[in-house]
Amino acid sequence: MYAAGQVTVLRGGASGPTGAGACSLSQNTRTVPGTAEQNDFFGADTKLLDVNGDGRAELFAGATGENRDGGVRAFPDPVNTPTATGSVSFGAGTLGTAGNGSSLGSGFAR
């Protein structure tokens, strides 16, 4: 499907990233909210942030074309995804704002 998007999570250690244990996520992955559609651009931008202060980063993946307004998927445990549960989705509707082609998820603060 054209431009549906995908994110691949690589594990790593002191010597850098490795392909061992890598997992790929799309909106057709069982634990990812939504369904992959053409031009969703899932993974157009990503960010790893420790937002809950547990010392481990959570993964945020933008889907700039989701429902023409964009969206963000949050994964609390990206190392064990896609078997982990608890991923959530944010879009214009869930945030209580008007979309109007806003491309939510097109960039994260650095």
PDB file of N, CA and C in Angstrom:
ATOM      1  N   MET A   1       0.839  -1.158   0.000  1.00  0.00           N
ATOM      2  CA  MET A   1       0.000   0.000   0.000  1.00  0.00           C
ATOM      3  C   MET A   1       0.898   1.240   0.000  1.00  0.00           C
ATOM      4  N   TYR A   2       0.641   2.149  -0.901  1.00  0.00           N
ATOM      5  CA  TYR A   2       1.507   3.313  -1.082  1.00  0.00           C
ATOM      6  C   TYR A   2       1.480   4.243   0.127  1.00  0.00           C
ATOM      7  N   ALA A   3       2.652   4.546   0.679  1.00  0.00           N
ATOM      8  CA  ALA A   3       2.868   5.547   1.727  1.00  0.00           C
ATOM      9  C   ALA A   3       2.074   5.308   3.009  1.00  0.00           C
ATOM     10  N   ALA A   4       1.756   4.057   3.309  1.00  0.00           N
ATOM     11  CA  ALA A   4       1.077   3.761   4.580  1.00  0.00           C
ATOM     12  C   ALA A   4       2.039   3.999   5.737  1.00  0.00           C
ATOM     13  N   GLY A   5       3.277   3.609   5.575  1.00  0.00           N
ATOM     14  CA  GLY A   5       4.316   3.858   6.564  1.00  0.00           C
ATOM     15  C   GLY A   5       4.617   2.684   7.463  1.00  0.00           C
ATOM     16  N   GLN A   6       5.755   2.778   8.111  1.00  0.00           N
ATOM     17  CA  GLN A   6       6.235   1.725   9.013  1.00  0.00           C
ATOM     18  C   GLN A   6       7.379   2.284   9.849  1.00  0.00           C
ATOM     19  N   VAL A   7       7.542   1.751  11.044  1.00  0.00           N
ATOM     20  CA  VAL A   7       8.647   2.103  11.928  1.00  0.00           C
ATOM     21  C   VAL A   7       9.361   0.819  12.308  1.00  0.00           C
ATOM     22  N   THR A   8      10.680   0.821  12.266  1.00  0.00           N
ATOM     23  CA  THR A   8      11.459  -0.328  12.713  1.00  0.00           C
ATOM     24  C   THR A   8      12.245   0.080  13.953  1.00  0.00           C
ATOM     25  N   VAL A   9      12.092  -0.694  15.015  1.00  0.00           N
ATOM     26  CA  VAL A   9      12.777  -0.435  16.277  1.00  0.00           C
ATOM     27  C   VAL A   9      13.986  -1.360  16.357  1.00  0.00           C
ATOM     28  N   LEU A  10      15.174  -0.769  16.498  1.00  0.00           N
ATOM     29  CA  LEU A  10      16.408  -1.530  16.647  1.00  0.00           C
ATOM     30  C   LEU A  10      16.835  -1.495  18.101  1.00  0.00           C
ATOM     31  N   ARG A  11      17.290  -2.615  18.594  1.00  0.00           N
ATOM     32  CA  ARG A  11      17.850  -2.663  19.941  1.00  0.00           C
ATOM     33  C   ARG A  11      19.307  -2.228  19.870  1.00  0.00           C
ATOM     34  N   GLY A  12      19.863  -1.891  21.003  1.00  0.00           N
ATOM     35  CA  GLY A  12      21.250  -1.477  21.020  1.00  0.00           C
ATOM     36  C   GLY A  12      21.855  -1.626  22.396  1.00  0.00           C
ATOM     37  N   GLY A  13      23.106  -1.342  22.472  1.00  0.00           N
ATOM     38  CA  GLY A  13      23.829  -1.418  23.734  1.00  0.00           C
ATOM     39  C   GLY A  13      25.015  -0.485  23.697  1.00  0.00           C
ATOM     40  N   ALA A  14      26.003  -0.762  24.522  1.00  0.00           N
ATOM     41  CA  ALA A  14      27.176   0.094  24.636  1.00  0.00           C
ATOM     42  C   ALA A  14      27.932   0.223  23.315  1.00  0.00           C
ATOM     43  N   SER A  15      27.873  -0.798  22.467  1.00  0.00           N
ATOM     44  CA  SER A  15      28.595  -0.745  21.199  1.00  0.00           C
ATOM     45  C   SER A  15      27.727  -0.257  20.039  1.00  0.00           C
ATOM     46  N   GLY A  16      26.502   0.190  20.328  1.00  0.00           N
ATOM     47  CA  GLY A  16      25.644   0.751  19.281  1.00  0.00           C
ATOM     48  C   GLY A  16      24.459  -0.127  18.948  1.00  0.00           C
ATOM     49  N   PRO A  17      23.708   0.251  17.904  1.00  0.00           N
ATOM     50  CA  PRO A  17      22.508  -0.498  17.527  1.00  0.00           C
ATOM     51  C   PRO A  17      22.856  -1.837  16.888  1.00  0.00           C
ATOM     52  N   THR A  18      21.899  -2.744  16.974  1.00  0.00           N
ATOM     53  CA  THR A  18      22.050  -4.059  16.358  1.00  0.00           C
ATOM     54  C   THR A  18      20.721  -4.465  15.731  1.00  0.00           C
ATOM     55  N   GLY A  19      20.771  -5.276  14.726  1.00  0.00           N
ATOM     56  CA  GLY A  19      19.552  -5.766  14.078  1.00  0.00           C
ATOM     57  C   GLY A  19      18.912  -6.916  14.836  1.00  0.00           C
ATOM     58  N   ALA A  20      19.654  -7.528  15.768  1.00  0.00           N
ATOM     59  CA  ALA A  20      19.107  -8.645  16.547  1.00  0.00           C
ATOM     60  C   ALA A  20      17.955  -8.143  17.409  1.00  0.00           C
ATOM     61  N   GLY A  21      16.824  -8.787  17.298  1.00  0.00           N
ATOM     62  CA  GLY A  21      15.662  -8.416  18.097  1.00  0.00           C
ATOM     63  C   GLY A  21      14.885  -7.234  17.554  1.00  0.00           C
ATOM     64  N   ALA A  22      15.216  -6.787  16.337  1.00  0.00           N
ATOM     65  CA  ALA A  22      14.503  -5.664  15.736  1.00  0.00           C
ATOM     66  C   ALA A  22      13.044  -6.035  15.485  1.00  0.00           C
ATOM     67  N   CYS A  23      12.161  -5.041  15.563  1.00  0.00           N
ATOM     68  CA  CYS A  23      10.765  -5.287  15.208  1.00  0.00           C
ATOM     69  C   CYS A  23      10.241  -4.124  14.388  1.00  0.00           C
ATOM     70  N   SER A  24       9.383  -4.441  13.452  1.00  0.00           N
ATOM     71  CA  SER A  24       8.764  -3.424  12.609  1.00  0.00           C
ATOM     72  C   SER A  24       7.312  -3.261  12.995  1.00  0.00           C
ATOM     73  N   LEU A  25       6.851  -2.022  12.987  1.00  0.00           N
ATOM     74  CA  LEU A  25       5.483  -1.688  13.355  1.00  0.00           C
ATOM     75  C   LEU A  25       4.811  -0.940  12.222  1.00  0.00           C
ATOM     76  N   SER A  26       3.571  -1.274  11.986  1.00  0.00           N
ATOM     77  CA  SER A  26       2.739  -0.491  11.076  1.00  0.00           C
ATOM     78  C   SER A  26       1.366  -0.400  11.727  1.00  0.00           C
ATOM     79  N   GLN A  27       0.462   0.287  11.104  1.00  0.00           N
ATOM     80  CA  GLN A  27      -0.877   0.377  11.673  1.00  0.00           C
ATOM     81  C   GLN A  27      -1.660  -0.926  11.491  1.00  0.00           C
ATOM     82  N   ASN A  28      -1.053  -1.900  10.847  1.00  0.00           N
ATOM     83  CA  ASN A  28      -1.665  -3.228  10.763  1.00  0.00           C
ATOM     84  C   ASN A  28      -1.080  -4.191  11.794  1.00  0.00           C
ATOM     85  N   THR A  29      -0.142  -3.712  12.624  1.00  0.00           N
ATOM     86  CA  THR A  29       0.383  -4.513  13.722  1.00  0.00           C
ATOM     87  C   THR A  29      -0.702  -4.605  14.796  1.00  0.00           C
ATOM     88  N   ARG A  30      -0.895  -5.789  15.330  1.00  0.00           N
ATOM     89  CA  ARG A  30      -1.987  -6.066  16.264  1.00  0.00           C
ATOM     90  C   ARG A  30      -2.108  -5.064  17.403  1.00  0.00           C
ATOM     91  N   THR A  31      -1.027  -4.632  17.985  1.00  0.00           N
ATOM     92  CA  THR A  31      -1.087  -3.755  19.155  1.00  0.00           C
ATOM     93  C   THR A  31      -1.034  -2.268  18.809  1.00  0.00           C
ATOM     94  N   VAL A  32      -1.054  -1.934  17.529  1.00  0.00           N
ATOM     95  CA  VAL A  32      -1.022  -0.533  17.100  1.00  0.00           C
ATOM     96  C   VAL A  32      -2.439  -0.084  16.761  1.00  0.00           C
ATOM     97  N   PRO A  33      -2.905   1.009  17.377  1.00  0.00           N
ATOM     98  CA  PRO A  33      -4.252   1.491  17.072  1.00  0.00           C
ATOM     99  C   PRO A  33      -4.387   1.908  15.610  1.00  0.00           C
ATOM    100  N   GLY A  34      -5.534   1.627  15.034  1.00  0.00           N
ATOM    101  CA  GLY A  34      -5.831   2.050  13.671  1.00  0.00           C
ATOM    102  C   GLY A  34      -5.578   0.961  12.646  1.00  0.00           C
ATOM    103  N   THR A  35      -5.736   1.329  11.398  1.00  0.00           N
ATOM    104  CA  THR A  35      -5.525   0.443  10.258  1.00  0.00           C
ATOM    105  C   THR A  35      -4.699   1.191   9.230  1.00  0.00           C
ATOM    106  N   ALA A  36      -3.714   0.526   8.661  1.00  0.00           N
ATOM    107  CA  ALA A  36      -2.877   1.163   7.645  1.00  0.00           C
ATOM    108  C   ALA A  36      -3.715   1.524   6.431  1.00  0.00           C
ATOM    109  N   GLU A  37      -3.549   2.767   5.984  1.00  0.00           N
ATOM    110  CA  GLU A  37      -4.242   3.251   4.798  1.00  0.00           C
ATOM    111  C   GLU A  37      -3.243   4.011   3.934  1.00  0.00           C
ATOM    112  N   GLN A  38      -3.539   4.093   2.661  1.00  0.00           N
ATOM    113  CA  GLN A  38      -2.677   4.833   1.750  1.00  0.00           C
ATOM    114  C   GLN A  38      -2.513   6.274   2.248  1.00  0.00           C
ATOM    115  N   ASN A  39      -1.299   6.772   2.171  1.00  0.00           N
ATOM    116  CA  ASN A  39      -0.944   8.143   2.544  1.00  0.00           C
ATOM    117  C   ASN A  39      -1.111   8.471   4.024  1.00  0.00           C
ATOM    118  N   ASP A  40      -1.078   7.474   4.914  1.00  0.00           N
ATOM    119  CA  ASP A  40      -1.059   7.747   6.354  1.00  0.00           C
ATOM    120  C   ASP A  40       0.303   8.289   6.779  1.00  0.00           C
ATOM    121  N   PHE A  41       1.355   7.861   6.133  1.00  0.00           N
ATOM    122  CA  PHE A  41       2.733   8.254   6.447  1.00  0.00           C
ATOM    123  C   PHE A  41       3.086   7.965   7.905  1.00  0.00           C
ATOM    124  N   PHE A  42       2.658   6.784   8.382  1.00  0.00           N
ATOM    125  CA  PHE A  42       2.992   6.345   9.739  1.00  0.00           C
ATOM    126  C   PHE A  42       4.507   6.269   9.872  1.00  0.00           C
ATOM    127  N   GLY A  43       5.057   6.936  10.883  1.00  0.00           N
ATOM    128  CA  GLY A  43       6.501   6.959  11.094  1.00  0.00           C
ATOM    129  C   GLY A  43       7.201   8.091  10.362  1.00  0.00           C
ATOM    130  N   ALA A  44       6.442   9.030   9.806  1.00  0.00           N
ATOM    131  CA  ALA A  44       7.050  10.159   9.095  1.00  0.00           C
ATOM    132  C   ALA A  44       8.040  10.899   9.994  1.00  0.00           C
ATOM    133  N   ASP A  45       7.744  10.954  11.260  1.00  0.00           N
ATOM    134  CA  ASP A  45       8.688  11.480  12.248  1.00  0.00           C
ATOM    135  C   ASP A  45       8.545  10.626  13.494  1.00  0.00           C
ATOM    136  N   THR A  46       9.624  10.415  14.197  1.00  0.00           N
ATOM    137  CA  THR A  46       9.610   9.631  15.430  1.00  0.00           C
ATOM    138  C   THR A  46      10.420  10.343  16.496  1.00  0.00           C
ATOM    139  N   LYS A  47      10.162  10.007  17.726  1.00  0.00           N
ATOM    140  CA  LYS A  47      10.918  10.580  18.836  1.00  0.00           C
ATOM    141  C   LYS A  47      10.922   9.591  19.981  1.00  0.00           C
ATOM    142  N   LEU A  48      12.073   9.402  20.607  1.00  0.00           N
ATOM    143  CA  LEU A  48      12.202   8.615  21.832  1.00  0.00           C
ATOM    144  C   LEU A  48      12.354   9.582  22.994  1.00  0.00           C
ATOM    145  N   LEU A  49      11.444   9.496  23.957  1.00  0.00           N
ATOM    146  CA  LEU A  49      11.467  10.376  25.127  1.00  0.00           C
ATOM    147  C   LEU A  49      11.092   9.583  26.364  1.00  0.00           C
ATOM    148  N   ASP A  50      11.754   9.862  27.466  1.00  0.00           N
ATOM    149  CA  ASP A  50      11.373   9.249  28.746  1.00  0.00           C
ATOM    150  C   ASP A  50      10.389  10.201  29.433  1.00  0.00           C
ATOM    151  N   VAL A  51       9.112  10.079  29.089  1.00  0.00           N
ATOM    152  CA  VAL A  51       8.113  11.011  29.627  1.00  0.00           C
ATOM    153  C   VAL A  51       7.604  10.629  31.014  1.00  0.00           C
ATOM    154  N   ASN A  52       7.791   9.373  31.424  1.00  0.00           N
ATOM    155  CA  ASN A  52       7.303   8.964  32.750  1.00  0.00           C
ATOM    156  C   ASN A  52       8.424   8.837  33.784  1.00  0.00           C
ATOM    157  N   GLY A  53       9.655   9.141  33.403  1.00  0.00           N
ATOM    158  CA  GLY A  53      10.768   9.185  34.339  1.00  0.00           C
ATOM    159  C   GLY A  53      11.256   7.841  34.847  1.00  0.00           C
ATOM    160  N   ASP A  54      10.977   6.756  34.112  1.00  0.00           N
ATOM    161  CA  ASP A  54      11.411   5.437  34.571  1.00  0.00           C
ATOM    162  C   ASP A  54      12.789   5.040  34.042  1.00  0.00           C
ATOM    163  N   GLY A  55      13.443   5.942  33.314  1.00  0.00           N
ATOM    164  CA  GLY A  55      14.777   5.656  32.786  1.00  0.00           C
ATOM    165  C   GLY A  55      14.773   4.947  31.450  1.00  0.00           C
ATOM    166  N   ARG A  56      13.588   4.683  30.889  1.00  0.00           N
ATOM    167  CA  ARG A  56      13.472   4.014  29.589  1.00  0.00           C
ATOM    168  C   ARG A  56      12.629   4.884  28.670  1.00  0.00           C
ATOM    169  N   ALA A  57      13.066   5.031  27.454  1.00  0.00           N
ATOM    170  CA  ALA A  57      12.369   5.902  26.509  1.00  0.00           C
ATOM    171  C   ALA A  57      11.095   5.270  25.967  1.00  0.00           C
ATOM    172  N   GLU A  58      10.088   6.103  25.801  1.00  0.00           N
ATOM    173  CA  GLU A  58       8.864   5.716  25.110  1.00  0.00           C
ATOM    174  C   GLU A  58       8.998   6.197  23.661  1.00  0.00           C
ATOM    175  N   LEU A  59       8.369   5.470  22.743  1.00  0.00           N
ATOM    176  CA  LEU A  59       8.441   5.805  21.324  1.00  0.00           C
ATOM    177  C   LEU A  59       7.171   6.543  20.909  1.00  0.00           C
ATOM    178  N   PHE A  60       7.366   7.658  20.209  1.00  0.00           N
ATOM    179  CA  PHE A  60       6.255   8.404  19.623  1.00  0.00           C
ATOM    180  C   PHE A  60       6.447   8.413  18.118  1.00  0.00           C
ATOM    181  N   ALA A  61       5.414   8.014  17.387  1.00  0.00           N
ATOM    182  CA  ALA A  61       5.492   7.946  15.927  1.00  0.00           C
ATOM    183  C   ALA A  61       4.363   8.772  15.321  1.00  0.00           C
ATOM    184  N   GLY A  62       4.732   9.711  14.460  1.00  0.00           N
ATOM    185  CA  GLY A  62       3.744  10.528  13.777  1.00  0.00           C
ATOM    186  C   GLY A  62       3.199   9.811  12.554  1.00  0.00           C
ATOM    187  N   ALA A  63       1.939  10.071  12.263  1.00  0.00           N
ATOM    188  CA  ALA A  63       1.293   9.589  11.041  1.00  0.00           C
ATOM    189  C   ALA A  63       0.635  10.819  10.422  1.00  0.00           C
ATOM    190  N   THR A  64       1.412  11.593   9.700  1.00  0.00           N
ATOM    191  CA  THR A  64       0.993  12.925   9.264  1.00  0.00           C
ATOM    192  C   THR A  64      -0.219  12.945   8.344  1.00  0.00           C
ATOM    193  N   GLY A  65      -0.504  11.840   7.686  1.00  0.00           N
ATOM    194  CA  GLY A  65      -1.641  11.807   6.771  1.00  0.00           C
ATOM    195  C   GLY A  65      -2.860  11.112   7.339  1.00  0.00           C
ATOM    196  N   GLU A  66      -2.789  10.661   8.582  1.00  0.00           N
ATOM    197  CA  GLU A  66      -3.909   9.949   9.203  1.00  0.00           C
ATOM    198  C   GLU A  66      -5.185  10.795   9.143  1.00  0.00           C
ATOM    199  N   ASN A  67      -6.207  10.264   8.486  1.00  0.00           N
ATOM    200  CA  ASN A  67      -7.500  10.948   8.346  1.00  0.00           C
ATOM    201  C   ASN A  67      -7.342  12.387   7.856  1.00  0.00           C
ATOM    202  N   ARG A  68      -6.371  12.619   7.040  1.00  0.00           N
ATOM    203  CA  ARG A  68      -6.039  13.909   6.435  1.00  0.00           C
ATOM    204  C   ARG A  68      -5.597  14.981   7.431  1.00  0.00           C
ATOM    205  N   ASP A  69      -5.633  14.676   8.723  1.00  0.00           N
ATOM    206  CA  ASP A  69      -5.252  15.671   9.724  1.00  0.00           C
ATOM    207  C   ASP A  69      -4.009  15.290  10.505  1.00  0.00           C
ATOM    208  N   GLY A  70      -3.599  14.034  10.441  1.00  0.00           N
ATOM    209  CA  GLY A  70      -2.427  13.560  11.157  1.00  0.00           C
ATOM    210  C   GLY A  70      -2.763  12.978  12.511  1.00  0.00           C
ATOM    211  N   GLY A  71      -1.813  12.283  13.070  1.00  0.00           N
ATOM    212  CA  GLY A  71      -1.983  11.662  14.379  1.00  0.00           C
ATOM    213  C   GLY A  71      -0.651  11.233  14.938  1.00  0.00           C
ATOM    214  N   VAL A  72      -0.658  10.853  16.205  1.00  0.00           N
ATOM    215  CA  VAL A  72       0.547  10.393  16.890  1.00  0.00           C
ATOM    216  C   VAL A  72       0.214   9.103  17.612  1.00  0.00           C
ATOM    217  N   ARG A  73       1.088   8.119  17.524  1.00  0.00           N
ATOM    218  CA  ARG A  73       0.966   6.875  18.279  1.00  0.00           C
ATOM    219  C   ARG A  73       2.060   6.871  19.323  1.00  0.00           C
ATOM    220  N   ALA A  74       1.722   6.503  20.547  1.00  0.00           N
ATOM    221  CA  ALA A  74       2.685   6.442  21.647  1.00  0.00           C
ATOM    222  C   ALA A  74       2.833   5.000  22.098  1.00  0.00           C
ATOM    223  N   PHE A  75       4.074   4.532  22.212  1.00  0.00           N
ATOM    224  CA  PHE A  75       4.380   3.165  22.613  1.00  0.00           C
ATOM    225  C   PHE A  75       5.185   3.201  23.907  1.00  0.00           C
ATOM    226  N   PRO A  76       4.589   2.757  25.026  1.00  0.00           N
ATOM    227  CA  PRO A  76       5.272   2.851  26.315  1.00  0.00           C
ATOM    228  C   PRO A  76       6.481   1.934  26.450  1.00  0.00           C
ATOM    229  N   ASP A  77       6.552   0.869  25.679  1.00  0.00           N
ATOM    230  CA  ASP A  77       7.650  -0.084  25.795  1.00  0.00           C
ATOM    231  C   ASP A  77       8.100  -0.516  24.404  1.00  0.00           C
ATOM    232  N   PRO A  78       8.781   0.374  23.661  1.00  0.00           N
ATOM    233  CA  PRO A  78       9.109   0.059  22.276  1.00  0.00           C
ATOM    234  C   PRO A  78      10.051  -1.124  22.108  1.00  0.00           C
ATOM    235  N   VAL A  79      10.836  -1.458  23.124  1.00  0.00           N
ATOM    236  CA  VAL A  79      11.765  -2.588  23.016  1.00  0.00           C
ATOM    237  C   VAL A  79      10.998  -3.894  22.905  1.00  0.00           C
ATOM    238  N   ASN A  80       9.883  -4.008  23.612  1.00  0.00           N
ATOM    239  CA  ASN A  80       9.103  -5.245  23.582  1.00  0.00           C
ATOM    240  C   ASN A  80       7.896  -5.169  22.654  1.00  0.00           C
ATOM    241  N   THR A  81       7.752  -4.094  21.931  1.00  0.00           N
ATOM    242  CA  THR A  81       6.690  -3.972  20.949  1.00  0.00           C
ATOM    243  C   THR A  81       7.056  -4.880  19.786  1.00  0.00           C
ATOM    244  N   PRO A  82       6.168  -5.572  19.123  1.00  0.00           N
ATOM    245  CA  PRO A  82       4.734  -5.391  19.115  1.00  0.00           C
ATOM    246  C   PRO A  82       3.953  -6.242  20.113  1.00  0.00           C
ATOM    247  N   THR A  83       4.616  -6.968  21.002  1.00  0.00           N
ATOM    248  CA  THR A  83       3.856  -7.792  21.945  1.00  0.00           C
ATOM    249  C   THR A  83       3.361  -6.982  23.135  1.00  0.00           C
ATOM    250  N   ALA A  84       3.944  -5.816  23.356  1.00  0.00           N
ATOM    251  CA  ALA A  84       3.542  -4.975  24.485  1.00  0.00           C
ATOM    252  C   ALA A  84       2.154  -4.390  24.254  1.00  0.00           C
ATOM    253  N   THR A  85       1.434  -4.193  25.314  1.00  0.00           N
ATOM    254  CA  THR A  85       0.141  -3.542  25.218  1.00  0.00           C
ATOM    255  C   THR A  85       0.261  -2.132  25.769  1.00  0.00           C
ATOM    256  N   GLY A  86      -0.758  -1.352  25.559  1.00  0.00           N
ATOM    257  CA  GLY A  86      -0.773  -0.019  26.126  1.00  0.00           C
ATOM    258  C   GLY A  86      -0.428   1.088  25.158  1.00  0.00           C
ATOM    259  N   SER A  87      -0.246   0.795  23.862  1.00  0.00           N
ATOM    260  CA  SER A  87       0.005   1.877  22.924  1.00  0.00           C
ATOM    261  C   SER A  87      -1.275   2.689  22.767  1.00  0.00           C
ATOM    262  N   VAL A  88      -1.129   3.972  22.601  1.00  0.00           N
ATOM    263  CA  VAL A  88      -2.277   4.862  22.474  1.00  0.00           C
ATOM    264  C   VAL A  88      -2.131   5.731  21.235  1.00  0.00           C
ATOM    265  N   SER A  89      -3.252   6.267  20.791  1.00  0.00           N
ATOM    266  CA  SER A  89      -3.314   7.075  19.590  1.00  0.00           C
ATOM    267  C   SER A  89      -3.901   8.440  19.916  1.00  0.00           C
ATOM    268  N   PHE A  90      -3.315   9.485  19.350  1.00  0.00           N
ATOM    269  CA  PHE A  90      -3.826  10.843  19.510  1.00  0.00           C
ATOM    270  C   PHE A  90      -4.056  11.443  18.137  1.00  0.00           C
ATOM    271  N   GLY A  91      -5.179  12.060  17.951  1.00  0.00           N
ATOM    272  CA  GLY A  91      -5.486  12.766  16.713  1.00  0.00           C
ATOM    273  C   GLY A  91      -6.251  14.027  17.041  1.00  0.00           C
ATOM    274  N   ALA A  92      -6.621  14.775  16.006  1.00  0.00           N
ATOM    275  CA  ALA A  92      -7.349  16.021  16.225  1.00  0.00           C
ATOM    276  C   ALA A  92      -8.625  15.772  17.031  1.00  0.00           C
ATOM    277  N   GLY A  93      -9.343  14.708  16.735  1.00  0.00           N
ATOM    278  CA  GLY A  93     -10.585  14.411  17.451  1.00  0.00           C
ATOM    279  C   GLY A  93     -10.367  14.089  18.918  1.00  0.00           C
ATOM    280  N   THR A  94      -9.345  13.288  19.226  1.00  0.00           N
ATOM    281  CA  THR A  94      -9.097  12.919  20.626  1.00  0.00           C
ATOM    282  C   THR A  94      -8.537  14.085  21.422  1.00  0.00           C
ATOM    283  N   LEU A  95      -7.924  15.044  20.739  1.00  0.00           N
ATOM    284  CA  LEU A  95      -7.387  16.215  21.423  1.00  0.00           C
ATOM    285  C   LEU A  95      -8.413  17.338  21.525  1.00  0.00           C
ATOM    286  N   GLY A  96      -9.578  17.138  20.888  1.00  0.00           N
ATOM    287  CA  GLY A  96     -10.637  18.142  20.948  1.00  0.00           C
ATOM    288  C   GLY A  96     -10.373  19.369  20.100  1.00  0.00           C
ATOM    289  N   THR A  97      -9.592  19.211  19.050  1.00  0.00           N
ATOM    290  CA  THR A  97      -9.296  20.334  18.163  1.00  0.00           C
ATOM    291  C   THR A  97      -9.820  20.042  16.766  1.00  0.00           C
ATOM    292  N   ALA A  98      -9.910  21.065  15.961  1.00  0.00           N
ATOM    293  CA  ALA A  98     -10.296  20.897  14.559  1.00  0.00           C
ATOM    294  C   ALA A  98      -9.050  20.558  13.757  1.00  0.00           C
ATOM    295  N   GLY A  99      -9.156  19.562  12.894  1.00  0.00           N
ATOM    296  CA  GLY A  99      -7.995  19.119  12.140  1.00  0.00           C
ATOM    297  C   GLY A  99      -7.589  20.059  11.022  1.00  0.00           C
ATOM    298  N   ASN A 100      -8.439  20.227  10.048  1.00  0.00           N
ATOM    299  CA  ASN A 100      -8.168  21.095   8.900  1.00  0.00           C
ATOM    300  C   ASN A 100      -6.829  20.851   8.234  1.00  0.00           C
ATOM    301  N   GLY A 101      -6.456  19.579   8.074  1.00  0.00           N
ATOM    302  CA  GLY A 101      -5.200  19.252   7.406  1.00  0.00           C
ATOM    303  C   GLY A 101      -3.967  19.678   8.178  1.00  0.00           C
ATOM    304  N   SER A 102      -4.030  19.584   9.481  1.00  0.00           N
ATOM    305  CA  SER A 102      -2.981  20.104  10.357  1.00  0.00           C
ATOM    306  C   SER A 102      -1.674  19.322  10.335  1.00  0.00           C
ATOM    307  N   SER A 103      -1.666  18.100   9.815  1.00  0.00           N
ATOM    308  CA  SER A 103      -0.463  17.256   9.769  1.00  0.00           C
ATOM    309  C   SER A 103       0.124  17.001  11.153  1.00  0.00           C
ATOM    310  N   LEU A 104      -0.747  16.748  12.121  1.00  0.00           N
ATOM    311  CA  LEU A 104      -0.300  16.407  13.466  1.00  0.00           C
ATOM    312  C   LEU A 104       0.684  15.254  13.382  1.00  0.00           C
ATOM    313  N   GLY A 105       1.774  15.342  14.118  1.00  0.00           N
ATOM    314  CA  GLY A 105       2.803  14.302  14.089  1.00  0.00           C
ATOM    315  C   GLY A 105       3.883  14.547  13.064  1.00  0.00           C
ATOM    316  N   SER A 106       3.866  15.722  12.420  1.00  0.00           N
ATOM    317  CA  SER A 106       4.866  15.990  11.389  1.00  0.00           C
ATOM    318  C   SER A 106       6.207  16.417  11.971  1.00  0.00           C
ATOM    319  N   GLY A 107       6.250  16.676  13.252  1.00  0.00           N
ATOM    320  CA  GLY A 107       7.519  17.032  13.878  1.00  0.00           C
ATOM    321  C   GLY A 107       7.386  17.027  15.390  1.00  0.00           C
ATOM    322  N   PHE A 108       8.462  16.677  16.052  1.00  0.00           N
ATOM    323  CA  PHE A 108       8.503  16.660  17.507  1.00  0.00           C
ATOM    324  C   PHE A 108       9.602  17.608  17.959  1.00  0.00           C
ATOM    325  N   ALA A 109       9.391  18.243  19.092  1.00  0.00           N
ATOM    326  CA  ALA A 109      10.404  19.148  19.642  1.00  0.00           C
ATOM    327  C   ALA A 109      11.701  18.387  19.873  1.00  0.00           C
ATOM    328  N   ARG A 110      12.782  18.996  19.581  1.00  0.00           N
ATOM    329  CA  ARG A 110      14.090  18.360  19.745  1.00  0.00           C
ATOM    330  C   ARG A 110      14.711  18.745  21.053  1.00  0.00           C
TER     331      ARG A 110
END
